[in-house]
Amino acid sequence: IYELRELIELELLSKAFKRIDSNGVQKLRLALQSHLDTPREVYYFDRLLKDAEFHLTLGTLSGCNAHKQMLTSLFDLLYLKYGYNILFSTSMDSVEADHKELFDCVATGDLKGARKC
């Protein structure tokens, strides 16, 4: 599931870079801020949803609705199969840093850097 998610996200990322404008960057910034603003200590499920929202916002910016729908389904499968274990497989600090780095790459038009995130 993770490998398929990664493949789809990389394709969506390339497509998003071709279409993104300042409004798209703002939408992604809001999704990132929403993820960062979600309390860490109590609302684990909310953090999962905000994490997915960040990725799905980037998918939406690609304009590839079928790919984005597949990504949505993969997130659903991941959360159903692994649930809260997803949160504990990597540190929240690491996830936040990765999202910030990805956002910075998108905002500056660095596709090569974004693909590494």
N, C-alpha and C. Protein backbone atom coordinates (compact mmCIF):
# COMPACT_ATOMS: atom_id res chain seq x y z
N ILE A 1 0.83 -1.19 0.00
CA ILE A 1 0.00 0.00 0.00
C ILE A 1 0.88 1.25 0.00
N TYR A 2 1.94 1.23 0.83
CA TYR A 2 2.81 2.40 0.90
C TYR A 2 3.51 2.67 -0.43
N GLU A 3 3.96 1.61 -1.10
CA GLU A 3 4.65 1.79 -2.37
C GLU A 3 3.73 2.36 -3.43
N LEU A 4 2.51 1.88 -3.48
CA LEU A 4 1.53 2.40 -4.44
C LEU A 4 1.21 3.86 -4.12
N ARG A 5 1.07 4.16 -2.85
CA ARG A 5 0.82 5.55 -2.44
C ARG A 5 1.95 6.45 -2.92
N GLU A 6 3.18 6.00 -2.74
CA GLU A 6 4.33 6.80 -3.14
C GLU A 6 4.34 7.03 -4.65
N LEU A 7 4.06 5.99 -5.42
CA LEU A 7 4.02 6.13 -6.87
C LEU A 7 2.97 7.15 -7.31
N ILE A 8 1.79 7.04 -6.74
CA ILE A 8 0.71 7.97 -7.10
C ILE A 8 1.07 9.39 -6.68
N GLU A 9 1.61 9.54 -5.48
CA GLU A 9 1.95 10.89 -5.02
C GLU A 9 3.03 11.54 -5.88
N LEU A 10 4.01 10.76 -6.31
CA LEU A 10 5.05 11.32 -7.17
C LEU A 10 4.48 11.79 -8.50
N GLU A 11 3.55 11.02 -9.06
CA GLU A 11 2.91 11.42 -10.31
C GLU A 11 2.06 12.68 -10.09
N LEU A 12 1.30 12.70 -9.00
CA LEU A 12 0.48 13.88 -8.71
C LEU A 12 1.34 15.11 -8.47
N LEU A 13 2.47 14.92 -7.83
CA LEU A 13 3.38 16.03 -7.56
C LEU A 13 3.87 16.65 -8.86
N SER A 14 4.28 15.82 -9.80
CA SER A 14 4.74 16.33 -11.10
C SER A 14 3.64 17.11 -11.81
N LYS A 15 2.44 16.58 -11.78
CA LYS A 15 1.30 17.26 -12.43
C LYS A 15 0.97 18.56 -11.71
N ALA A 16 1.03 18.55 -10.38
CA ALA A 16 0.70 19.76 -9.61
C ALA A 16 1.69 20.88 -9.93
N PHE A 17 2.96 20.53 -10.11
CA PHE A 17 3.96 21.55 -10.41
C PHE A 17 3.66 22.25 -11.72
N LYS A 18 3.02 21.57 -12.65
CA LYS A 18 2.69 22.18 -13.94
C LYS A 18 1.50 23.13 -13.83
N ARG A 19 0.70 22.97 -12.79
CA ARG A 19 -0.55 23.73 -12.69
C ARG A 19 -0.59 24.72 -11.54
N ILE A 20 0.27 24.58 -10.58
CA ILE A 20 0.12 25.35 -9.33
C ILE A 20 0.38 26.84 -9.56
N ASP A 21 -0.42 27.64 -8.90
CA ASP A 21 -0.27 29.09 -8.94
C ASP A 21 -0.26 29.58 -7.49
N SER A 22 -0.30 30.89 -7.31
CA SER A 22 -0.23 31.43 -5.94
C SER A 22 -1.43 31.00 -5.10
N ASN A 23 -2.61 30.83 -5.71
CA ASN A 23 -3.77 30.34 -4.96
C ASN A 23 -3.55 28.91 -4.51
N GLY A 24 -2.95 28.10 -5.36
CA GLY A 24 -2.65 26.72 -4.99
C GLY A 24 -1.64 26.64 -3.86
N VAL A 25 -0.62 27.48 -3.92
CA VAL A 25 0.37 27.52 -2.84
C VAL A 25 -0.31 27.92 -1.54
N GLN A 26 -1.24 28.87 -1.60
CA GLN A 26 -1.97 29.30 -0.41
C GLN A 26 -2.82 28.15 0.15
N LYS A 27 -3.49 27.40 -0.71
CA LYS A 27 -4.29 26.26 -0.25
C LYS A 27 -3.40 25.23 0.44
N LEU A 28 -2.24 24.96 -0.14
CA LEU A 28 -1.32 24.00 0.47
C LEU A 28 -0.78 24.54 1.79
N ARG A 29 -0.51 25.84 1.85
CA ARG A 29 -0.04 26.46 3.09
C ARG A 29 -1.09 26.30 4.20
N LEU A 30 -2.36 26.50 3.84
CA LEU A 30 -3.43 26.35 4.82
C LEU A 30 -3.56 24.91 5.30
N ALA A 31 -3.40 23.95 4.38
CA ALA A 31 -3.46 22.54 4.77
C ALA A 31 -2.29 22.19 5.69
N LEU A 32 -1.11 22.72 5.38
CA LEU A 32 0.06 22.49 6.24
C LEU A 32 -0.17 23.10 7.61
N GLN A 33 -0.64 24.33 7.65
CA GLN A 33 -0.87 25.00 8.93
C GLN A 33 -1.92 24.27 9.75
N SER A 34 -2.95 23.78 9.10
CA SER A 34 -3.99 23.02 9.79
C SER A 34 -3.39 21.76 10.43
N HIS A 35 -2.49 21.10 9.71
CA HIS A 35 -1.82 19.92 10.26
C HIS A 35 -0.94 20.31 11.45
N LEU A 36 -0.18 21.37 11.31
CA LEU A 36 0.73 21.79 12.37
C LEU A 36 -0.02 22.28 13.61
N ASP A 37 -1.20 22.86 13.41
CA ASP A 37 -1.98 23.41 14.51
C ASP A 37 -2.78 22.37 15.29
N THR A 38 -2.90 21.17 14.76
CA THR A 38 -3.65 20.12 15.45
C THR A 38 -2.87 19.67 16.67
N PRO A 39 -3.52 19.68 17.84
CA PRO A 39 -2.80 19.28 19.07
C PRO A 39 -2.20 17.88 18.94
N ARG A 40 -0.99 17.73 19.43
CA ARG A 40 -0.26 16.47 19.34
C ARG A 40 -0.68 15.47 20.40
N GLU A 41 -0.95 15.93 21.58
CA GLU A 41 -1.04 15.05 22.74
C GLU A 41 -2.30 14.20 22.78
N VAL A 42 -3.41 14.70 22.28
CA VAL A 42 -4.68 14.02 22.49
C VAL A 42 -5.33 13.55 21.20
N TYR A 43 -5.31 14.36 20.20
CA TYR A 43 -6.14 14.12 19.02
C TYR A 43 -5.38 13.39 17.92
N TYR A 44 -5.00 12.14 18.18
CA TYR A 44 -4.23 11.38 17.21
C TYR A 44 -4.98 11.20 15.90
N PHE A 45 -6.25 10.87 15.98
CA PHE A 45 -7.02 10.65 14.77
C PHE A 45 -7.12 11.93 13.95
N ASP A 46 -7.30 13.07 14.63
CA ASP A 46 -7.35 14.35 13.93
C ASP A 46 -6.04 14.62 13.19
N ARG A 47 -4.93 14.25 13.81
CA ARG A 47 -3.64 14.46 13.16
C ARG A 47 -3.52 13.59 11.91
N LEU A 48 -4.03 12.37 11.98
CA LEU A 48 -4.03 11.51 10.80
C LEU A 48 -4.83 12.14 9.67
N LEU A 49 -5.99 12.66 10.01
CA LEU A 49 -6.83 13.28 9.00
C LEU A 49 -6.18 14.52 8.40
N LYS A 50 -5.54 15.31 9.23
CA LYS A 50 -4.87 16.53 8.75
C LYS A 50 -3.65 16.18 7.91
N ASP A 51 -2.97 15.10 8.25
CA ASP A 51 -1.85 14.63 7.45
C ASP A 51 -2.34 14.24 6.06
N ALA A 52 -3.41 13.46 6.01
CA ALA A 52 -3.98 13.06 4.73
C ALA A 52 -4.46 14.28 3.95
N GLU A 53 -5.06 15.23 4.65
CA GLU A 53 -5.57 16.44 3.99
C GLU A 53 -4.45 17.20 3.28
N PHE A 54 -3.28 17.27 3.90
CA PHE A 54 -2.14 17.94 3.29
C PHE A 54 -1.78 17.25 1.96
N HIS A 55 -1.65 15.92 2.00
CA HIS A 55 -1.29 15.17 0.79
C HIS A 55 -2.39 15.26 -0.27
N LEU A 56 -3.63 15.19 0.17
CA LEU A 56 -4.74 15.24 -0.78
C LEU A 56 -4.92 16.62 -1.39
N THR A 57 -4.56 17.66 -0.65
CA THR A 57 -4.60 19.02 -1.21
C THR A 57 -3.61 19.12 -2.36
N LEU A 58 -2.43 18.58 -2.16
CA LEU A 58 -1.44 18.56 -3.24
C LEU A 58 -1.97 17.75 -4.42
N GLY A 59 -2.64 16.64 -4.12
CA GLY A 59 -3.25 15.84 -5.19
C GLY A 59 -4.32 16.59 -5.94
N THR A 60 -5.13 17.35 -5.23
CA THR A 60 -6.18 18.15 -5.86
C THR A 60 -5.58 19.18 -6.80
N LEU A 61 -4.47 19.77 -6.40
CA LEU A 61 -3.82 20.79 -7.22
C LEU A 61 -3.30 20.24 -8.53
N SER A 62 -3.13 18.92 -8.60
CA SER A 62 -2.65 18.29 -9.83
C SER A 62 -3.71 18.28 -10.93
N GLY A 63 -4.98 18.33 -10.52
CA GLY A 63 -6.07 18.26 -11.48
C GLY A 63 -6.39 16.86 -11.95
N CYS A 64 -5.72 15.87 -11.41
CA CYS A 64 -5.93 14.47 -11.80
C CYS A 64 -6.89 13.81 -10.82
N ASN A 65 -8.17 13.94 -11.11
CA ASN A 65 -9.18 13.47 -10.16
C ASN A 65 -9.15 11.97 -9.91
N ALA A 66 -8.90 11.18 -10.94
CA ALA A 66 -8.88 9.72 -10.76
C ALA A 66 -7.71 9.32 -9.86
N HIS A 67 -6.55 9.91 -10.08
CA HIS A 67 -5.38 9.61 -9.24
C HIS A 67 -5.63 10.05 -7.80
N LYS A 68 -6.22 11.23 -7.66
CA LYS A 68 -6.50 11.73 -6.32
C LYS A 68 -7.49 10.82 -5.60
N GLN A 69 -8.47 10.31 -6.31
CA GLN A 69 -9.44 9.40 -5.71
C GLN A 69 -8.76 8.09 -5.28
N MET A 70 -7.83 7.61 -6.09
CA MET A 70 -7.07 6.41 -5.70
C MET A 70 -6.25 6.69 -4.45
N LEU A 71 -5.65 7.87 -4.37
CA LEU A 71 -4.87 8.23 -3.20
C LEU A 71 -5.76 8.30 -1.96
N THR A 72 -6.95 8.86 -2.11
CA THR A 72 -7.91 8.91 -1.01
C THR A 72 -8.23 7.50 -0.53
N SER A 73 -8.46 6.60 -1.46
CA SER A 73 -8.77 5.21 -1.10
C SER A 73 -7.59 4.54 -0.40
N LEU A 74 -6.38 4.85 -0.85
CA LEU A 74 -5.20 4.28 -0.19
C LEU A 74 -5.06 4.79 1.24
N PHE A 75 -5.31 6.07 1.46
CA PHE A 75 -5.29 6.58 2.83
C PHE A 75 -6.33 5.86 3.68
N ASP A 76 -7.52 5.66 3.13
CA ASP A 76 -8.56 4.93 3.87
C ASP A 76 -8.08 3.53 4.24
N LEU A 77 -7.47 2.84 3.29
CA LEU A 77 -6.95 1.49 3.56
C LEU A 77 -5.87 1.50 4.62
N LEU A 78 -4.95 2.45 4.50
CA LEU A 78 -3.88 2.55 5.49
C LEU A 78 -4.43 2.78 6.90
N TYR A 79 -5.38 3.67 7.01
CA TYR A 79 -5.91 3.99 8.33
C TYR A 79 -6.77 2.86 8.88
N LEU A 80 -7.47 2.16 8.00
CA LEU A 80 -8.25 1.01 8.47
C LEU A 80 -7.34 -0.13 8.90
N LYS A 81 -6.29 -0.35 8.13
CA LYS A 81 -5.40 -1.48 8.41
C LYS A 81 -4.47 -1.21 9.59
N TYR A 82 -3.89 -0.01 9.63
CA TYR A 82 -2.86 0.28 10.62
C TYR A 82 -3.31 1.23 11.72
N GLY A 83 -4.34 2.01 11.48
CA GLY A 83 -4.87 2.92 12.49
C GLY A 83 -3.81 3.76 13.16
N TYR A 84 -3.86 3.78 14.46
CA TYR A 84 -2.95 4.62 15.24
C TYR A 84 -1.49 4.21 15.11
N ASN A 85 -1.23 2.98 14.69
CA ASN A 85 0.15 2.54 14.54
C ASN A 85 0.91 3.39 13.53
N ILE A 86 0.21 3.99 12.58
CA ILE A 86 0.85 4.86 11.60
C ILE A 86 1.53 6.03 12.31
N LEU A 87 0.85 6.55 13.32
CA LEU A 87 1.40 7.70 14.04
C LEU A 87 2.69 7.38 14.76
N PHE A 88 2.81 6.15 15.21
CA PHE A 88 3.95 5.80 16.04
C PHE A 88 5.08 5.16 15.25
N SER A 89 4.90 4.98 13.94
CA SER A 89 5.96 4.40 13.14
C SER A 89 7.03 5.44 12.80
N THR A 90 6.67 6.71 12.80
CA THR A 90 7.62 7.80 12.62
C THR A 90 7.26 8.90 13.62
N SER A 91 8.25 9.68 13.98
CA SER A 91 7.98 10.72 14.97
C SER A 91 7.19 11.86 14.34
N MET A 92 6.39 12.50 15.16
CA MET A 92 5.60 13.64 14.67
C MET A 92 6.52 14.76 14.23
N ASP A 93 7.64 14.93 14.92
CA ASP A 93 8.59 15.97 14.53
C ASP A 93 9.12 15.72 13.12
N SER A 94 9.40 14.46 12.81
CA SER A 94 9.90 14.10 11.50
C SER A 94 8.86 14.35 10.42
N VAL A 95 7.62 13.97 10.68
CA VAL A 95 6.54 14.18 9.72
C VAL A 95 6.34 15.67 9.47
N GLU A 96 6.34 16.45 10.54
CA GLU A 96 6.16 17.90 10.40
C GLU A 96 7.30 18.52 9.59
N ALA A 97 8.52 18.09 9.88
CA ALA A 97 9.68 18.62 9.15
C ALA A 97 9.60 18.25 7.67
N ASP A 98 9.17 17.02 7.39
CA ASP A 98 9.03 16.58 6.00
C ASP A 98 7.97 17.39 5.27
N HIS A 99 6.84 17.65 5.94
CA HIS A 99 5.78 18.43 5.31
C HIS A 99 6.24 19.87 5.06
N LYS A 100 6.94 20.44 6.02
CA LYS A 100 7.44 21.81 5.84
C LYS A 100 8.42 21.87 4.67
N GLU A 101 9.30 20.89 4.59
CA GLU A 101 10.28 20.86 3.51
C GLU A 101 9.58 20.69 2.15
N LEU A 102 8.59 19.81 2.10
CA LEU A 102 7.84 19.62 0.86
C LEU A 102 7.12 20.91 0.46
N PHE A 103 6.49 21.56 1.43
CA PHE A 103 5.81 22.81 1.13
C PHE A 103 6.80 23.85 0.59
N ASP A 104 7.95 23.98 1.25
CA ASP A 104 8.94 24.96 0.80
C ASP A 104 9.39 24.68 -0.63
N CYS A 105 9.57 23.40 -0.97
CA CYS A 105 9.96 23.05 -2.33
C CYS A 105 8.86 23.41 -3.32
N VAL A 106 7.62 23.13 -2.97
CA VAL A 106 6.50 23.47 -3.85
C VAL A 106 6.42 24.98 -4.02
N ALA A 107 6.51 25.70 -2.91
CA ALA A 107 6.37 27.16 -2.95
C ALA A 107 7.47 27.83 -3.77
N THR A 108 8.65 27.22 -3.81
CA THR A 108 9.76 27.80 -4.56
C THR A 108 9.94 27.18 -5.94
N GLY A 109 9.07 26.21 -6.29
CA GLY A 109 9.14 25.61 -7.61
C GLY A 109 10.25 24.59 -7.78
N ASP A 110 10.70 23.99 -6.68
CA ASP A 110 11.79 23.03 -6.71
C ASP A 110 11.25 21.60 -6.80
N LEU A 111 10.93 21.15 -8.01
CA LEU A 111 10.37 19.82 -8.21
C LEU A 111 11.36 18.73 -7.79
N LYS A 112 12.61 18.91 -8.13
CA LYS A 112 13.62 17.90 -7.78
C LYS A 112 13.70 17.73 -6.25
N GLY A 113 13.70 18.83 -5.53
CA GLY A 113 13.72 18.77 -4.07
C GLY A 113 12.45 18.16 -3.52
N ALA A 114 11.31 18.51 -4.12
CA ALA A 114 10.02 17.98 -3.65
C ALA A 114 9.95 16.47 -3.83
N ARG A 115 10.52 15.97 -4.91
CA ARG A 115 10.50 14.53 -5.16
C ARG A 115 11.30 13.76 -4.12
N LYS A 116 12.25 14.43 -3.47
CA LYS A 116 13.08 13.77 -2.44
C LYS A 116 12.37 13.73 -1.08
N CYS A 117 11.37 14.55 -0.91
CA CYS A 117 10.71 14.64 0.39
C CYS A 117 9.87 13.42 0.71
